[in-house]
Amino acid sequence: MDKKEKIKKLIDRMSGLIKESEDIMEQIPEYLRPNQEYALNLCKKQLAALELEYTKL
């Protein structure tokens, strides 16, 4: 499997995880929400970096 295919699969996987996390965010207790939002934002930044790398290939 070449690098472009690996990145595409990783992008698809991360997109699904982010969508699922956003849906679950409403069920998280208020005191845990800031930490979860921080982690979600990190995942979104990683996804953006992967998408940028994918477009460069």
PDB file of N, CA and C in Angstrom:
ATOM      1  N   MET A   1       0.855  -1.174   0.000  1.00  0.00           N
ATOM      2  CA  MET A   1       0.000   0.000   0.000  1.00  0.00           C
ATOM      3  C   MET A   1       0.903   1.240   0.000  1.00  0.00           C
ATOM      4  N   ASP A   2       0.608   2.148  -0.892  1.00  0.00           N
ATOM      5  CA  ASP A   2       1.469   3.317  -0.958  1.00  0.00           C
ATOM      6  C   ASP A   2       1.050   4.385   0.057  1.00  0.00           C
ATOM      7  N   LYS A   3       1.867   5.405   0.133  1.00  0.00           N
ATOM      8  CA  LYS A   3       1.684   6.441   1.156  1.00  0.00           C
ATOM      9  C   LYS A   3       0.355   7.176   0.998  1.00  0.00           C
ATOM     10  N   LYS A   4      -0.046   7.438  -0.235  1.00  0.00           N
ATOM     11  CA  LYS A   4      -1.288   8.174  -0.483  1.00  0.00           C
ATOM     12  C   LYS A   4      -2.507   7.390   0.015  1.00  0.00           C
ATOM     13  N   GLU A   5      -2.507   6.083  -0.201  1.00  0.00           N
ATOM     14  CA  GLU A   5      -3.613   5.245   0.258  1.00  0.00           C
ATOM     15  C   GLU A   5      -3.668   5.199   1.786  1.00  0.00           C
ATOM     16  N   LYS A   6      -2.497   5.104   2.425  1.00  0.00           N
ATOM     17  CA  LYS A   6      -2.454   5.075   3.887  1.00  0.00           C
ATOM     18  C   LYS A   6      -3.010   6.366   4.476  1.00  0.00           C
ATOM     19  N   ILE A   7      -2.613   7.486   3.887  1.00  0.00           N
ATOM     20  CA  ILE A   7      -3.091   8.779   4.389  1.00  0.00           C
ATOM     21  C   ILE A   7      -4.594   8.893   4.179  1.00  0.00           C
ATOM     22  N   LYS A   8      -5.088   8.438   3.034  1.00  0.00           N
ATOM     23  CA  LYS A   8      -6.533   8.501   2.755  1.00  0.00           C
ATOM     24  C   LYS A   8      -7.317   7.670   3.767  1.00  0.00           C
ATOM     25  N   LYS A   9      -6.837   6.471   4.082  1.00  0.00           N
ATOM     26  CA  LYS A   9      -7.518   5.632   5.071  1.00  0.00           C
ATOM     27  C   LYS A   9      -7.493   6.280   6.447  1.00  0.00           C
ATOM     28  N   LEU A  10      -6.375   6.894   6.801  1.00  0.00           N
ATOM     29  CA  LEU A  10      -6.258   7.573   8.091  1.00  0.00           C
ATOM     30  C   LEU A  10      -7.197   8.772   8.154  1.00  0.00           C
ATOM     31  N   ILE A  11      -7.320   9.514   7.063  1.00  0.00           N
ATOM     32  CA  ILE A  11      -8.241  10.652   7.009  1.00  0.00           C
ATOM     33  C   ILE A  11      -9.675  10.173   7.203  1.00  0.00           C
ATOM     34  N   ASP A  12     -10.049   9.114   6.522  1.00  0.00           N
ATOM     35  CA  ASP A  12     -11.403   8.566   6.655  1.00  0.00           C
ATOM     36  C   ASP A  12     -11.685   8.119   8.091  1.00  0.00           C
ATOM     37  N   ARG A  13     -10.705   7.435   8.691  1.00  0.00           N
ATOM     38  CA  ARG A  13     -10.868   6.946  10.059  1.00  0.00           C
ATOM     39  C   ARG A  13     -11.008   8.100  11.050  1.00  0.00           C
ATOM     40  N   MET A  14     -10.131   9.105  10.914  1.00  0.00           N
ATOM     41  CA  MET A  14     -10.173  10.241  11.831  1.00  0.00           C
ATOM     42  C   MET A  14     -11.450  11.057  11.660  1.00  0.00           C
ATOM     43  N   SER A  15     -11.921  11.185  10.427  1.00  0.00           N
ATOM     44  CA  SER A  15     -13.163  11.922  10.183  1.00  0.00           C
ATOM     45  C   SER A  15     -14.330  11.250  10.908  1.00  0.00           C
ATOM     46  N   GLY A  16     -14.381   9.935  10.843  1.00  0.00           N
ATOM     47  CA  GLY A  16     -15.426   9.198  11.542  1.00  0.00           C
ATOM     48  C   GLY A  16     -15.334   9.353  13.048  1.00  0.00           C
ATOM     49  N   LEU A  17     -14.117   9.285  13.578  1.00  0.00           N
ATOM     50  CA  LEU A  17     -13.931   9.444  15.022  1.00  0.00           C
ATOM     51  C   LEU A  17     -14.326  10.844  15.491  1.00  0.00           C
ATOM     52  N   ILE A  18     -13.984  11.848  14.709  1.00  0.00           N
ATOM     53  CA  ILE A  18     -14.327  13.224  15.073  1.00  0.00           C
ATOM     54  C   ILE A  18     -15.837  13.408  15.066  1.00  0.00           C
ATOM     55  N   LYS A  19     -16.503  12.883  14.038  1.00  0.00           N
ATOM     56  CA  LYS A  19     -17.966  13.008  13.974  1.00  0.00           C
ATOM     57  C   LYS A  19     -18.614  12.308  15.167  1.00  0.00           C
ATOM     58  N   GLU A  20     -18.138  11.128  15.488  1.00  0.00           N
ATOM     59  CA  GLU A  20     -18.668  10.370  16.614  1.00  0.00           C
ATOM     60  C   GLU A  20     -18.426  11.114  17.933  1.00  0.00           C
ATOM     61  N   SER A  21     -17.258  11.703  18.078  1.00  0.00           N
ATOM     62  CA  SER A  21     -16.929  12.444  19.303  1.00  0.00           C
ATOM     63  C   SER A  21     -17.810  13.683  19.449  1.00  0.00           C
ATOM     64  N   GLU A  22     -18.089  14.348  18.336  1.00  0.00           N
ATOM     65  CA  GLU A  22     -18.959  15.524  18.392  1.00  0.00           C
ATOM     66  C   GLU A  22     -20.371  15.133  18.815  1.00  0.00           C
ATOM     67  N   ASP A  23     -20.834  13.976  18.350  1.00  0.00           N
ATOM     68  CA  ASP A  23     -22.165  13.499  18.738  1.00  0.00           C
ATOM     69  C   ASP A  23     -22.212  13.146  20.223  1.00  0.00           C
ATOM     70  N   ILE A  24     -21.155  12.560  20.735  1.00  0.00           N
ATOM     71  CA  ILE A  24     -21.084  12.137  22.139  1.00  0.00           C
ATOM     72  C   ILE A  24     -20.873  13.326  23.075  1.00  0.00           C
ATOM     73  N   MET A  25     -20.341  14.422  22.548  1.00  0.00           N
ATOM     74  CA  MET A  25     -19.999  15.583  23.359  1.00  0.00           C
ATOM     75  C   MET A  25     -21.188  16.082  24.189  1.00  0.00           C
ATOM     76  N   GLU A  26     -22.376  15.949  23.660  1.00  0.00           N
ATOM     77  CA  GLU A  26     -23.570  16.417  24.373  1.00  0.00           C
ATOM     78  C   GLU A  26     -23.852  15.595  25.628  1.00  0.00           C
ATOM     79  N   GLN A  27     -23.372  14.377  25.676  1.00  0.00           N
ATOM     80  CA  GLN A  27     -23.648  13.491  26.802  1.00  0.00           C
ATOM     81  C   GLN A  27     -22.589  13.572  27.897  1.00  0.00           C
ATOM     82  N   ILE A  28     -21.511  14.285  27.619  1.00  0.00           N
ATOM     83  CA  ILE A  28     -20.402  14.373  28.575  1.00  0.00           C
ATOM     84  C   ILE A  28     -20.755  15.366  29.683  1.00  0.00           C
ATOM     85  N   PRO A  29     -20.454  15.029  30.930  1.00  0.00           N
ATOM     86  CA  PRO A  29     -20.713  15.962  32.032  1.00  0.00           C
ATOM     87  C   PRO A  29     -19.968  17.283  31.827  1.00  0.00           C
ATOM     88  N   GLU A  30     -20.544  18.344  32.339  1.00  0.00           N
ATOM     89  CA  GLU A  30     -20.009  19.698  32.138  1.00  0.00           C
ATOM     90  C   GLU A  30     -18.560  19.836  32.623  1.00  0.00           C
ATOM     91  N   TYR A  31     -18.223  19.191  33.734  1.00  0.00           N
ATOM     92  CA  TYR A  31     -16.874  19.355  34.286  1.00  0.00           C
ATOM     93  C   TYR A  31     -15.811  18.648  33.446  1.00  0.00           C
ATOM     94  N   LEU A  32     -16.185  17.702  32.608  1.00  0.00           N
ATOM     95  CA  LEU A  32     -15.233  17.013  31.740  1.00  0.00           C
ATOM     96  C   LEU A  32     -15.174  17.612  30.331  1.00  0.00           C
ATOM     97  N   ARG A  33     -16.122  18.438  30.009  1.00  0.00           N
ATOM     98  CA  ARG A  33     -16.235  18.955  28.650  1.00  0.00           C
ATOM     99  C   ARG A  33     -15.011  19.741  28.162  1.00  0.00           C
ATOM    100  N   PRO A  34     -14.414  20.628  28.973  1.00  0.00           N
ATOM    101  CA  PRO A  34     -13.249  21.377  28.456  1.00  0.00           C
ATOM    102  C   PRO A  34     -12.098  20.467  28.006  1.00  0.00           C
ATOM    103  N   ASN A  35     -11.826  19.423  28.761  1.00  0.00           N
ATOM    104  CA  ASN A  35     -10.761  18.498  28.369  1.00  0.00           C
ATOM    105  C   ASN A  35     -11.108  17.767  27.073  1.00  0.00           C
ATOM    106  N   GLN A  36     -12.346  17.366  26.946  1.00  0.00           N
ATOM    107  CA  GLN A  36     -12.772  16.654  25.745  1.00  0.00           C
ATOM    108  C   GLN A  36     -12.741  17.580  24.527  1.00  0.00           C
ATOM    109  N   GLU A  37     -13.136  18.841  24.716  1.00  0.00           N
ATOM    110  CA  GLU A  37     -13.092  19.799  23.614  1.00  0.00           C
ATOM    111  C   GLU A  37     -11.653  20.042  23.170  1.00  0.00           C
ATOM    112  N   TYR A  38     -10.743  20.101  24.126  1.00  0.00           N
ATOM    113  CA  TYR A  38      -9.324  20.286  23.806  1.00  0.00           C
ATOM    114  C   TYR A  38      -8.810  19.111  22.969  1.00  0.00           C
ATOM    115  N   ALA A  39      -9.138  17.909  23.384  1.00  0.00           N
ATOM    116  CA  ALA A  39      -8.713  16.711  22.647  1.00  0.00           C
ATOM    117  C   ALA A  39      -9.339  16.680  21.250  1.00  0.00           C
ATOM    118  N   LEU A  40     -10.591  17.082  21.158  1.00  0.00           N
ATOM    119  CA  LEU A  40     -11.271  17.104  19.866  1.00  0.00           C
ATOM    120  C   LEU A  40     -10.619  18.121  18.938  1.00  0.00           C
ATOM    121  N   ASN A  41     -10.252  19.273  19.460  1.00  0.00           N
ATOM    122  CA  ASN A  41      -9.579  20.286  18.644  1.00  0.00           C
ATOM    123  C   ASN A  41      -8.221  19.794  18.162  1.00  0.00           C
ATOM    124  N   LEU A  42      -7.499  19.057  19.005  1.00  0.00           N
ATOM    125  CA  LEU A  42      -6.224  18.486  18.576  1.00  0.00           C
ATOM    126  C   LEU A  42      -6.426  17.506  17.416  1.00  0.00           C
ATOM    127  N   CYS A  43      -7.457  16.692  17.518  1.00  0.00           N
ATOM    128  CA  CYS A  43      -7.745  15.732  16.445  1.00  0.00           C
ATOM    129  C   CYS A  43      -8.097  16.457  15.148  1.00  0.00           C
ATOM    130  N   LYS A  44      -8.838  17.544  15.260  1.00  0.00           N
ATOM    131  CA  LYS A  44      -9.202  18.317  14.069  1.00  0.00           C
ATOM    132  C   LYS A  44      -7.960  18.931  13.420  1.00  0.00           C
ATOM    133  N   LYS A  45      -7.017  19.388  14.227  1.00  0.00           N
ATOM    134  CA  LYS A  45      -5.775  19.950  13.687  1.00  0.00           C
ATOM    135  C   LYS A  45      -4.955  18.868  12.989  1.00  0.00           C
ATOM    136  N   GLN A  46      -4.905  17.684  13.584  1.00  0.00           N
ATOM    137  CA  GLN A  46      -4.188  16.572  12.963  1.00  0.00           C
ATOM    138  C   GLN A  46      -4.833  16.201  11.634  1.00  0.00           C
ATOM    139  N   LEU A  47      -6.165  16.197  11.608  1.00  0.00           N
ATOM    140  CA  LEU A  47      -6.885  15.872  10.385  1.00  0.00           C
ATOM    141  C   LEU A  47      -6.587  16.907   9.304  1.00  0.00           C
ATOM    142  N   ALA A  48      -6.571  18.174   9.675  1.00  0.00           N
ATOM    143  CA  ALA A  48      -6.269  19.225   8.706  1.00  0.00           C
ATOM    144  C   ALA A  48      -4.857  19.058   8.145  1.00  0.00           C
ATOM    145  N   ALA A  49      -3.908  18.697   8.997  1.00  0.00           N
ATOM    146  CA  ALA A  49      -2.532  18.487   8.552  1.00  0.00           C
ATOM    147  C   ALA A  49      -2.453  17.297   7.594  1.00  0.00           C
ATOM    148  N   LEU A  50      -3.179  16.225   7.908  1.00  0.00           N
ATOM    149  CA  LEU A  50      -3.188  15.060   7.022  1.00  0.00           C
ATOM    150  C   LEU A  50      -3.822  15.390   5.672  1.00  0.00           C
ATOM    151  N   GLU A  51      -4.901  16.163   5.694  1.00  0.00           N
ATOM    152  CA  GLU A  51      -5.547  16.536   4.440  1.00  0.00           C
ATOM    153  C   GLU A  51      -4.625  17.399   3.588  1.00  0.00           C
ATOM    154  N   LEU A  52      -3.869  18.271   4.231  1.00  0.00           N
ATOM    155  CA  LEU A  52      -2.917  19.108   3.504  1.00  0.00           C
ATOM    156  C   LEU A  52      -1.815  18.239   2.883  1.00  0.00           C
ATOM    157  N   GLU A  53      -1.319  17.292   3.648  1.00  0.00           N
ATOM    158  CA  GLU A  53      -0.291  16.391   3.134  1.00  0.00           C
ATOM    159  C   GLU A  53      -0.832  15.547   1.980  1.00  0.00           C
ATOM    160  N   TYR A  54      -2.086  15.126   2.096  1.00  0.00           N
ATOM    161  CA  TYR A  54      -2.703  14.316   1.049  1.00  0.00           C
ATOM    162  C   TYR A  54      -2.829  15.106  -0.255  1.00  0.00           C
ATOM    163  N   THR A  55      -3.179  16.389  -0.142  1.00  0.00           N
ATOM    164  CA  THR A  55      -3.325  17.186  -1.359  1.00  0.00           C
ATOM    165  C   THR A  55      -1.970  17.464  -2.016  1.00  0.00           C
ATOM    166  N   LYS A  56      -0.883  17.435  -1.228  1.00  0.00           N
ATOM    167  CA  LYS A  56       0.450  17.666  -1.776  1.00  0.00           C
ATOM    168  C   LYS A  56       0.950  16.460  -2.561  1.00  0.00           C
ATOM    169  N   LEU A  57       0.421  15.277  -2.262  1.00  0.00           N
ATOM    170  CA  LEU A  57       0.901  14.064  -2.956  1.00  0.00           C
ATOM    171  C   LEU A  57       0.293  13.912  -4.336  1.00  0.00           C
TER     172      LEU A  57
END
